[in-house]
Every structure is written in structure tokens, then in C-alpha cells.
Amino acid sequence: MSNKLRLVALPIKATTATTATPQITLLSQPPTVALQENYLTKTINWCDRQWNKLSDSADGHWKKRVWNGGESVMDRVPYTEWALKHIEPGQSVAPNSTHKLDILYPKSVISDKDLLNMVKASFISRAARHRRSMWIALFIAPITLPVAIIPVVPNLPLFYVLWRAWSHWRAHRGAVYLGRLLANNQLNPRESDELDRFISTHPNLTTKDINTLSKILKLPPQATLEAHRAVKQIDSDSKRQE
């Protein structure tokens, strides 16, 4: 494992008659040595803990229903957004330096050139979209304030739009960061024999396959969850197109 962030380019959907390259998602592998948390990270982690506490509520309780609904909403957030928002520049190489960010990939299904083209087309190109969506969410936020006068019920619409604004900001930051590294030739496709062997026998990944691969690559829980979401979303898109 590295003491710097590295990415895993995970092919989710194999090539077809109409696609020359597989669909991929980018999974973040943070450094093995934990970095000191800043105030923003501490706040985010605290919010995550408070949110997950809702899942411990009894079935049928409004807290459990809110948690179930929230998780369903999160599953519909595009997998590309999840990938971008978990790229932490502070854990990785500095732009305009001599260091490079490794992207592990399976050489049997995608070339290094195609990989960089896909990173640009599917992830970096979304920077402006996420910036625009962030400002739209912030503009909508004050409109939800009247809900706060309702007793007992929390202002879920406000929480949602603020969460979406934060999510889009993080994704925008990740996309801009990757764009700077690509422009400076600091993205380094790196062949992974482990990933290559697994993908060669599992061309169309299932959630069960993801769990197995996660153990092989020692992926963190968040990356495993993001891979699950990517598989479900791409499978769902494929069924709608049939």
C-alpha cells in the first residue's frame, strides 16, 4: 500500500458491439497512514456518525424511515459524482510537482491511453456541471426555511439541498484536481496484475464480485460501497436501453 492516495480504475461493464471501451468508475485508496483531520473532515465524520445512528432506530419509527429514504436517494446519486467527491487532494500529489498520481488498471481490457481519455471524458469534464449544480442547490436552500416552523419534524428539504450543494462542491473540486494533474502529465496509469486477473474472469461485475475484489485489493469500505452503486446504476441503465 502507498503512503499517498491512489486510484483504482474499475471496469464495471465489459465492451459491447457498440462500445470499444468498458465503462469504468474510479475508486479511491487513501494512504495507509491516517492524516490528521482538519475541522471540515471532523465535521463531516461527525455528521456521518449522526446519520448512521438513525439506522439503529426501530422499524417503522420516523427516524428509520428517514434513513431508509436517505440511503435510497444516495444510491441514485451518479456513481461518477461519488468517485469525484472522495478524491482528496490533500492526501495526494501536489499539482505542478514532480510526483504523479497512480491509477491502477487492468491492461487486458483497457489501454493506458483509453483510460486517460475516459477519465477526461467521464470525470474531469463534469467540473462545470457540478459547480453549476452547487450554486443551484445553494439558491434553493433559503426557500426550504419555512419548513422549519413545523414542530417535531426536522427540516429535511433544507438538509437535502445543503447536502447536495456540499456533494457537488466536493465533486467539482475532485474534477478540477484531476484536470490539473492531467494537464501537467501527473496521472500515471499503472498496470495491476491482481486487478487484471480478476477482471479477465469477471467481465461484468456483480455486487458479490465486488466484495471479493475488495478483499483482494484491500479497498476501504467507502470504495466498496461506491463500486456497488456503480454496478447497480450501470445495470439499471442497461435494462432501460434493452
C-alpha atoms as a PDB file:
ATOM      1  CA  MET A   1       0.000   0.000   0.000  1.00  0.00           C
ATOM      2  CA  SER A   2       1.076   3.574  -0.631  1.00  0.00           C
ATOM      3  CA  ASN A   3       1.511   6.458   1.771  1.00  0.00           C
ATOM      4  CA  LYS A   4      -0.276   8.612  -0.816  1.00  0.00           C
ATOM      5  CA  LEU A   5      -3.706   8.446  -2.370  1.00  0.00           C
ATOM      6  CA  ARG A   6      -4.023   6.220  -5.414  1.00  0.00           C
ATOM      7  CA  LEU A   7      -6.978   5.423  -7.641  1.00  0.00           C
ATOM      8  CA  VAL A   8      -8.349   2.157  -8.986  1.00  0.00           C
ATOM      9  CA  ALA A   9      -9.937   2.250 -12.444  1.00  0.00           C
ATOM     10  CA  LEU A  10     -12.583  -0.444 -12.120  1.00  0.00           C
ATOM     11  CA  PRO A  11     -14.291  -1.669 -15.316  1.00  0.00           C
ATOM     12  CA  ILE A  12     -17.945  -2.186 -14.447  1.00  0.00           C
ATOM     13  CA  LYS A  13     -19.378  -3.095 -17.838  1.00  0.00           C
ATOM     14  CA  ALA A  14     -17.475  -5.040 -20.483  1.00  0.00           C
ATOM     15  CA  THR A  15     -17.106  -3.892 -24.076  1.00  0.00           C
ATOM     16  CA  THR A  16     -20.041  -4.489 -26.399  1.00  0.00           C
ATOM     17  CA  ALA A  17     -20.708  -4.309 -30.110  1.00  0.00           C
ATOM     18  CA  THR A  18     -21.379  -0.582 -29.748  1.00  0.00           C
ATOM     19  CA  THR A  19     -18.713   0.325 -27.183  1.00  0.00           C
ATOM     20  CA  ALA A  20     -14.998  -0.047 -27.807  1.00  0.00           C
ATOM     21  CA  THR A  21     -14.017   0.520 -24.191  1.00  0.00           C
ATOM     22  CA  PRO A  22     -15.605  -0.660 -20.923  1.00  0.00           C
ATOM     23  CA  GLN A  23     -17.426   1.653 -18.547  1.00  0.00           C
ATOM     24  CA  ILE A  24     -15.273   2.423 -15.537  1.00  0.00           C
ATOM     25  CA  THR A  25     -15.517   4.031 -12.149  1.00  0.00           C
ATOM     26  CA  LEU A  26     -12.670   5.444 -10.092  1.00  0.00           C
ATOM     27  CA  LEU A  27     -12.229   4.168  -6.549  1.00  0.00           C
ATOM     28  CA  SER A  28     -10.045   5.990  -4.037  1.00  0.00           C
ATOM     29  CA  GLN A  29      -7.497   4.156  -1.908  1.00  0.00           C
ATOM     30  CA  PRO A  30      -6.449   6.591   0.845  1.00  0.00           C
ATOM     31  CA  PRO A  31      -2.978   6.483   2.392  1.00  0.00           C
ATOM     32  CA  THR A  32      -2.328   3.721   4.909  1.00  0.00           C
ATOM     33  CA  VAL A  33      -1.138   6.285   7.421  1.00  0.00           C
ATOM     34  CA  ALA A  34      -4.109   8.300   8.581  1.00  0.00           C
ATOM     35  CA  LEU A  35      -3.731  12.030   8.109  1.00  0.00           C
ATOM     36  CA  GLN A  36      -4.641  14.473  10.853  1.00  0.00           C
ATOM     37  CA  GLU A  37      -8.263  15.519  10.483  1.00  0.00           C
ATOM     38  CA  ASN A  38      -8.998  19.159   9.801  1.00  0.00           C
ATOM     39  CA  TYR A  39     -12.128  20.876  11.066  1.00  0.00           C
ATOM     40  CA  LEU A  40     -14.068  20.171   7.887  1.00  0.00           C
ATOM     41  CA  THR A  41     -13.210  16.470   7.946  1.00  0.00           C
ATOM     42  CA  LYS A  42     -14.107  16.227  11.642  1.00  0.00           C
ATOM     43  CA  THR A  43     -17.465  17.879  10.956  1.00  0.00           C
ATOM     44  CA  ILE A  44     -18.188  15.570   8.024  1.00  0.00           C
ATOM     45  CA  ASN A  45     -17.276  12.474  10.025  1.00  0.00           C
ATOM     46  CA  TRP A  46     -19.466  13.661  12.908  1.00  0.00           C
ATOM     47  CA  CYS A  47     -22.399  14.152  10.535  1.00  0.00           C
ATOM     48  CA  ASP A  48     -21.848  10.668   9.101  1.00  0.00           C
ATOM     49  CA  ARG A  49     -21.965   9.170  12.582  1.00  0.00           C
ATOM     50  CA  GLN A  50     -25.155  11.044  13.453  1.00  0.00           C
ATOM     51  CA  TRP A  51     -26.757   9.955  10.192  1.00  0.00           C
ATOM     52  CA  ASN A  52     -25.862   6.299  10.670  1.00  0.00           C
ATOM     53  CA  LYS A  53     -27.302   6.371  14.189  1.00  0.00           C
ATOM     54  CA  LEU A  54     -30.724   6.727  12.578  1.00  0.00           C
ATOM     55  CA  SER A  55     -30.338   3.219  11.150  1.00  0.00           C
ATOM     56  CA  ASP A  56     -30.376   1.829  14.706  1.00  0.00           C
ATOM     57  CA  SER A  57     -33.940   3.031  15.245  1.00  0.00           C
ATOM     58  CA  ALA A  58     -36.807   0.556  15.370  1.00  0.00           C
ATOM     59  CA  ASP A  59     -38.524  -0.435  12.121  1.00  0.00           C
ATOM     60  CA  GLY A  60     -41.446   1.879  11.460  1.00  0.00           C
ATOM     61  CA  HIS A  61     -40.003   4.733  13.513  1.00  0.00           C
ATOM     62  CA  TRP A  62     -39.789   8.000  11.573  1.00  0.00           C
ATOM     63  CA  LYS A  63     -36.012   8.064  12.070  1.00  0.00           C
ATOM     64  CA  LYS A  64     -35.621   4.671  10.430  1.00  0.00           C
ATOM     65  CA  ARG A  65     -37.900   5.697   7.558  1.00  0.00           C
ATOM     66  CA  VAL A  66     -35.841   8.866   7.048  1.00  0.00           C
ATOM     67  CA  TRP A  67     -32.637   6.804   6.997  1.00  0.00           C
ATOM     68  CA  ASN A  68     -34.060   4.294   4.503  1.00  0.00           C
ATOM     69  CA  GLY A  69     -35.270   7.104   2.269  1.00  0.00           C
ATOM     70  CA  GLY A  70     -31.956   8.903   2.504  1.00  0.00           C
ATOM     71  CA  GLU A  71     -29.990   5.791   1.579  1.00  0.00           C
ATOM     72  CA  SER A  72     -32.270   5.283  -1.422  1.00  0.00           C
ATOM     73  CA  VAL A  73     -31.589   8.854  -2.538  1.00  0.00           C
ATOM     74  CA  MET A  74     -27.844   8.345  -2.134  1.00  0.00           C
ATOM     75  CA  ASP A  75     -27.966   5.239  -4.291  1.00  0.00           C
ATOM     76  CA  ARG A  76     -29.374   7.376  -7.128  1.00  0.00           C
ATOM     77  CA  VAL A  77     -26.567   9.946  -6.989  1.00  0.00           C
ATOM     78  CA  PRO A  78     -24.437   9.263 -10.106  1.00  0.00           C
ATOM     79  CA  TYR A  79     -21.512   6.978  -9.397  1.00  0.00           C
ATOM     80  CA  THR A  80     -19.203   9.448 -11.135  1.00  0.00           C
ATOM     81  CA  GLU A  81     -20.108  12.041  -8.502  1.00  0.00           C
ATOM     82  CA  TRP A  82     -19.305   9.628  -5.666  1.00  0.00           C
ATOM     83  CA  ALA A  83     -15.972   8.844  -7.301  1.00  0.00           C
ATOM     84  CA  LEU A  84     -15.009  12.511  -7.665  1.00  0.00           C
ATOM     85  CA  LYS A  85     -16.132  13.636  -4.225  1.00  0.00           C
ATOM     86  CA  HIS A  86     -13.892  11.101  -2.465  1.00  0.00           C
ATOM     87  CA  ILE A  87     -10.719  12.185  -4.231  1.00  0.00           C
ATOM     88  CA  GLU A  88      -8.857  14.114  -1.530  1.00  0.00           C
ATOM     89  CA  PRO A  89      -6.186  16.436  -2.987  1.00  0.00           C
ATOM     90  CA  GLY A  90      -4.643  16.800   0.464  1.00  0.00           C
ATOM     91  CA  GLN A  91      -3.877  13.072   0.530  1.00  0.00           C
ATOM     92  CA  SER A  92      -2.366  13.002  -2.934  1.00  0.00           C
ATOM     93  CA  VAL A  93       0.367  14.596  -5.017  1.00  0.00           C
ATOM     94  CA  ALA A  94       0.563  18.357  -5.402  1.00  0.00           C
ATOM     95  CA  PRO A  95      -0.138  19.774  -8.879  1.00  0.00           C
ATOM     96  CA  ASN A  96       2.904  21.097 -10.724  1.00  0.00           C
ATOM     97  CA  SER A  97       5.210  18.831  -8.723  1.00  0.00           C
ATOM     98  CA  THR A  98       7.421  16.011  -9.955  1.00  0.00           C
ATOM     99  CA  HIS A  99       5.180  13.370  -8.354  1.00  0.00           C
ATOM    100  CA  LYS A 100       2.363  11.502 -10.077  1.00  0.00           C
ATOM    101  CA  LEU A 101      -0.969  10.011  -9.018  1.00  0.00           C
ATOM    102  CA  ASP A 102      -1.131   6.276  -9.732  1.00  0.00           C
ATOM    103  CA  ILE A 103      -4.271   4.863 -11.345  1.00  0.00           C
ATOM    104  CA  LEU A 104      -4.334   1.069 -11.160  1.00  0.00           C
ATOM    105  CA  TYR A 105      -5.989  -0.542 -14.180  1.00  0.00           C
ATOM    106  CA  PRO A 106      -6.359  -3.938 -15.921  1.00  0.00           C
ATOM    107  CA  LYS A 107      -4.338  -3.850 -19.123  1.00  0.00           C
ATOM    108  CA  SER A 108      -6.281  -6.741 -20.680  1.00  0.00           C
ATOM    109  CA  VAL A 109      -9.479  -4.701 -21.052  1.00  0.00           C
ATOM    110  CA  ILE A 110      -8.321  -1.105 -21.443  1.00  0.00           C
ATOM    111  CA  SER A 111      -5.157   0.638 -22.612  1.00  0.00           C
ATOM    112  CA  ASP A 112      -3.434   3.398 -20.683  1.00  0.00           C
ATOM    113  CA  LYS A 113      -4.330   5.893 -23.420  1.00  0.00           C
ATOM    114  CA  ASP A 114      -8.018   4.921 -23.410  1.00  0.00           C
ATOM    115  CA  LEU A 115      -8.028   5.091 -19.627  1.00  0.00           C
ATOM    116  CA  LEU A 116      -6.837   8.685 -19.573  1.00  0.00           C
ATOM    117  CA  ASN A 117      -9.320   9.594 -22.301  1.00  0.00           C
ATOM    118  CA  MET A 118     -12.143   8.109 -20.214  1.00  0.00           C
ATOM    119  CA  VAL A 119     -11.009   9.908 -17.077  1.00  0.00           C
ATOM    120  CA  LYS A 120     -11.165  13.151 -19.045  1.00  0.00           C
ATOM    121  CA  ALA A 121     -14.494  12.440 -20.754  1.00  0.00           C
ATOM    122  CA  SER A 122     -16.383  10.844 -17.853  1.00  0.00           C
ATOM    123  CA  PHE A 123     -14.973  12.622 -14.809  1.00  0.00           C
ATOM    124  CA  ILE A 124     -12.922  15.759 -15.495  1.00  0.00           C
ATOM    125  CA  SER A 125     -15.496  17.073 -17.968  1.00  0.00           C
ATOM    126  CA  ARG A 126     -18.114  17.196 -15.176  1.00  0.00           C
ATOM    127  CA  ALA A 127     -16.404  20.009 -13.270  1.00  0.00           C
ATOM    128  CA  ALA A 128     -18.565  22.819 -14.687  1.00  0.00           C
ATOM    129  CA  ARG A 129     -21.744  20.774 -14.237  1.00  0.00           C
ATOM    130  CA  HIS A 130     -21.050  20.186 -10.549  1.00  0.00           C
ATOM    131  CA  ARG A 131     -20.179  23.836  -9.979  1.00  0.00           C
ATOM    132  CA  ARG A 132     -23.454  24.921 -11.575  1.00  0.00           C
ATOM    133  CA  SER A 133     -25.466  22.372  -9.586  1.00  0.00           C
ATOM    134  CA  MET A 134     -23.816  23.508  -6.348  1.00  0.00           C
ATOM    135  CA  TRP A 135     -24.949  27.099  -6.876  1.00  0.00           C
ATOM    136  CA  ILE A 136     -28.466  25.979  -7.814  1.00  0.00           C
ATOM    137  CA  ALA A 137     -28.728  23.967  -4.581  1.00  0.00           C
ATOM    138  CA  LEU A 138     -27.491  26.934  -2.513  1.00  0.00           C
ATOM    139  CA  PHE A 139     -30.027  29.199  -4.248  1.00  0.00           C
ATOM    140  CA  ILE A 140     -32.860  26.786  -3.407  1.00  0.00           C
ATOM    141  CA  ALA A 141     -31.824  26.357   0.252  1.00  0.00           C
ATOM    142  CA  PRO A 142     -33.495  29.530   1.640  1.00  0.00           C
ATOM    143  CA  ILE A 143     -36.794  28.519   0.023  1.00  0.00           C
ATOM    144  CA  THR A 144     -36.943  25.495   2.351  1.00  0.00           C
ATOM    145  CA  LEU A 145     -36.632  27.558   5.547  1.00  0.00           C
ATOM    146  CA  PRO A 146     -40.424  27.786   6.197  1.00  0.00           C
ATOM    147  CA  VAL A 147     -40.460  24.020   6.777  1.00  0.00           C
ATOM    148  CA  ALA A 148     -38.517  24.699   9.984  1.00  0.00           C
ATOM    149  CA  ILE A 149     -41.641  26.121  11.657  1.00  0.00           C
ATOM    150  CA  ILE A 150     -43.314  22.699  11.602  1.00  0.00           C
ATOM    151  CA  PRO A 151     -42.894  21.236  15.109  1.00  0.00           C
ATOM    152  CA  VAL A 152     -41.132  17.900  15.700  1.00  0.00           C
ATOM    153  CA  VAL A 153     -40.405  17.188  12.009  1.00  0.00           C
ATOM    154  CA  PRO A 154     -36.826  18.190  11.044  1.00  0.00           C
ATOM    155  CA  ASN A 155     -36.278  20.393   8.010  1.00  0.00           C
ATOM    156  CA  LEU A 156     -35.375  17.524   5.713  1.00  0.00           C
ATOM    157  CA  PRO A 157     -35.643  19.576   2.472  1.00  0.00           C
ATOM    158  CA  LEU A 158     -33.028  22.027   3.800  1.00  0.00           C
ATOM    159  CA  PHE A 159     -30.736  19.218   4.907  1.00  0.00           C
ATOM    160  CA  TYR A 160     -31.087  17.607   1.496  1.00  0.00           C
ATOM    161  CA  VAL A 161     -30.279  20.675  -0.623  1.00  0.00           C
ATOM    162  CA  LEU A 162     -27.341  21.586   1.615  1.00  0.00           C
ATOM    163  CA  TRP A 163     -26.034  18.042   1.339  1.00  0.00           C
ATOM    164  CA  ARG A 164     -26.382  18.193  -2.445  1.00  0.00           C
ATOM    165  CA  ALA A 165     -24.548  21.544  -2.521  1.00  0.00           C
ATOM    166  CA  TRP A 166     -21.725  20.067  -0.440  1.00  0.00           C
ATOM    167  CA  SER A 167     -21.623  16.935  -2.607  1.00  0.00           C
ATOM    168  CA  HIS A 168     -21.432  18.933  -5.830  1.00  0.00           C
ATOM    169  CA  TRP A 169     -18.699  21.146  -4.355  1.00  0.00           C
ATOM    170  CA  ARG A 170     -16.632  18.096  -3.442  1.00  0.00           C
ATOM    171  CA  ALA A 171     -17.166  16.549  -6.874  1.00  0.00           C
ATOM    172  CA  HIS A 172     -16.228  19.827  -8.579  1.00  0.00           C
ATOM    173  CA  ARG A 173     -13.062  20.002  -6.504  1.00  0.00           C
ATOM    174  CA  GLY A 174     -12.145  16.417  -7.422  1.00  0.00           C
ATOM    175  CA  ALA A 175     -12.766  17.006 -11.132  1.00  0.00           C
ATOM    176  CA  VAL A 176     -10.704  20.216 -11.182  1.00  0.00           C
ATOM    177  CA  TYR A 177      -7.881  18.471  -9.332  1.00  0.00           C
ATOM    178  CA  LEU A 178      -7.792  15.583 -11.813  1.00  0.00           C
ATOM    179  CA  GLY A 179      -7.884  18.073 -14.660  1.00  0.00           C
ATOM    180  CA  ARG A 180      -4.839  19.898 -13.318  1.00  0.00           C
ATOM    181  CA  LEU A 181      -2.938  16.637 -12.917  1.00  0.00           C
ATOM    182  CA  LEU A 182      -3.853  15.516 -16.434  1.00  0.00           C
ATOM    183  CA  ALA A 183      -2.762  18.840 -17.906  1.00  0.00           C
ATOM    184  CA  ASN A 184       0.585  18.515 -16.109  1.00  0.00           C
ATOM    185  CA  ASN A 185       1.066  14.874 -17.130  1.00  0.00           C
ATOM    186  CA  GLN A 186       0.774  13.774 -13.494  1.00  0.00           C
ATOM    187  CA  LEU A 187      -1.787  10.997 -13.941  1.00  0.00           C
ATOM    188  CA  ASN A 188       0.107   7.721 -14.060  1.00  0.00           C
ATOM    189  CA  PRO A 189      -1.777   4.643 -15.373  1.00  0.00           C
ATOM    190  CA  ARG A 190      -0.214   1.672 -13.615  1.00  0.00           C
ATOM    191  CA  GLU A 191      -0.890  -1.938 -14.613  1.00  0.00           C
ATOM    192  CA  SER A 192      -2.304  -4.112 -11.845  1.00  0.00           C
ATOM    193  CA  ASP A 193      -1.824  -7.855 -12.268  1.00  0.00           C
ATOM    194  CA  GLU A 194      -4.275  -8.606  -9.431  1.00  0.00           C
ATOM    195  CA  LEU A 195      -6.991  -6.478 -10.987  1.00  0.00           C
ATOM    196  CA  ASP A 196      -6.215  -7.842 -14.438  1.00  0.00           C
ATOM    197  CA  ARG A 197      -6.535 -11.486 -13.376  1.00  0.00           C
ATOM    198  CA  PHE A 198      -9.834 -10.869 -11.626  1.00  0.00           C
ATOM    199  CA  ILE A 199     -11.445  -8.790 -14.383  1.00  0.00           C
ATOM    200  CA  SER A 200     -10.405 -11.299 -17.053  1.00  0.00           C
ATOM    201  CA  THR A 201     -12.640 -13.902 -15.383  1.00  0.00           C
ATOM    202  CA  HIS A 202     -15.356 -11.461 -14.243  1.00  0.00           C
ATOM    203  CA  PRO A 203     -16.017  -9.164 -17.236  1.00  0.00           C
ATOM    204  CA  ASN A 204     -19.381  -7.964 -15.906  1.00  0.00           C
ATOM    205  CA  LEU A 205     -19.030  -7.425 -12.187  1.00  0.00           C
ATOM    206  CA  THR A 206     -21.778  -8.239  -9.705  1.00  0.00           C
ATOM    207  CA  THR A 207     -22.017  -6.918  -6.161  1.00  0.00           C
ATOM    208  CA  LYS A 208     -20.754 -10.303  -4.947  1.00  0.00           C
ATOM    209  CA  ASP A 209     -17.731  -9.977  -7.235  1.00  0.00           C
ATOM    210  CA  ILE A 210     -17.095  -6.503  -5.831  1.00  0.00           C
ATOM    211  CA  ASN A 211     -16.915  -7.890  -2.303  1.00  0.00           C
ATOM    212  CA  THR A 212     -14.358 -10.481  -3.381  1.00  0.00           C
ATOM    213  CA  LEU A 213     -12.270  -7.967  -5.311  1.00  0.00           C
ATOM    214  CA  SER A 214     -12.437  -5.527  -2.427  1.00  0.00           C
ATOM    215  CA  LYS A 215     -10.668  -8.041  -0.192  1.00  0.00           C
ATOM    216  CA  ILE A 216      -8.029  -8.744  -2.845  1.00  0.00           C
ATOM    217  CA  LEU A 217      -7.219  -5.057  -3.374  1.00  0.00           C
ATOM    218  CA  LYS A 218      -7.812  -4.116   0.281  1.00  0.00           C
ATOM    219  CA  LEU A 219     -10.308  -1.446  -0.686  1.00  0.00           C
ATOM    220  CA  PRO A 220     -11.771   0.710   2.107  1.00  0.00           C
ATOM    221  CA  PRO A 221     -15.498   0.250   2.926  1.00  0.00           C
ATOM    222  CA  GLN A 222     -16.450   3.512   1.201  1.00  0.00           C
ATOM    223  CA  ALA A 223     -14.834   2.432  -2.070  1.00  0.00           C
ATOM    224  CA  THR A 224     -16.613  -0.931  -1.885  1.00  0.00           C
ATOM    225  CA  LEU A 225     -19.955   0.812  -1.395  1.00  0.00           C
ATOM    226  CA  GLU A 226     -19.260   3.144  -4.336  1.00  0.00           C
ATOM    227  CA  ALA A 227     -18.461   0.152  -6.552  1.00  0.00           C
ATOM    228  CA  HIS A 228     -21.782  -1.438  -5.547  1.00  0.00           C
ATOM    229  CA  ARG A 229     -23.622   1.727  -6.534  1.00  0.00           C
ATOM    230  CA  ALA A 230     -21.810   1.877  -9.870  1.00  0.00           C
ATOM    231  CA  VAL A 231     -22.738  -1.739 -10.673  1.00  0.00           C
ATOM    232  CA  LYS A 232     -26.403  -1.182  -9.805  1.00  0.00           C
ATOM    233  CA  GLN A 233     -26.661   2.060 -11.771  1.00  0.00           C
ATOM    234  CA  ILE A 234     -24.996   0.713 -14.908  1.00  0.00           C
ATOM    235  CA  ASP A 235     -27.094  -2.475 -14.773  1.00  0.00           C
ATOM    236  CA  SER A 236     -30.224  -0.371 -14.406  1.00  0.00           C
ATOM    237  CA  ASP A 237     -29.239   1.837 -17.358  1.00  0.00           C
ATOM    238  CA  SER A 238     -28.567  -1.233 -19.485  1.00  0.00           C
ATOM    239  CA  LYS A 239     -32.003  -2.709 -18.722  1.00  0.00           C
ATOM    240  CA  ARG A 240     -33.735   0.549 -19.656  1.00  0.00           C
ATOM    241  CA  GLN A 241     -31.933   0.566 -23.007  1.00  0.00           C
ATOM    242  CA  GLU A 242     -32.940  -3.010 -23.858  1.00  0.00           C
END
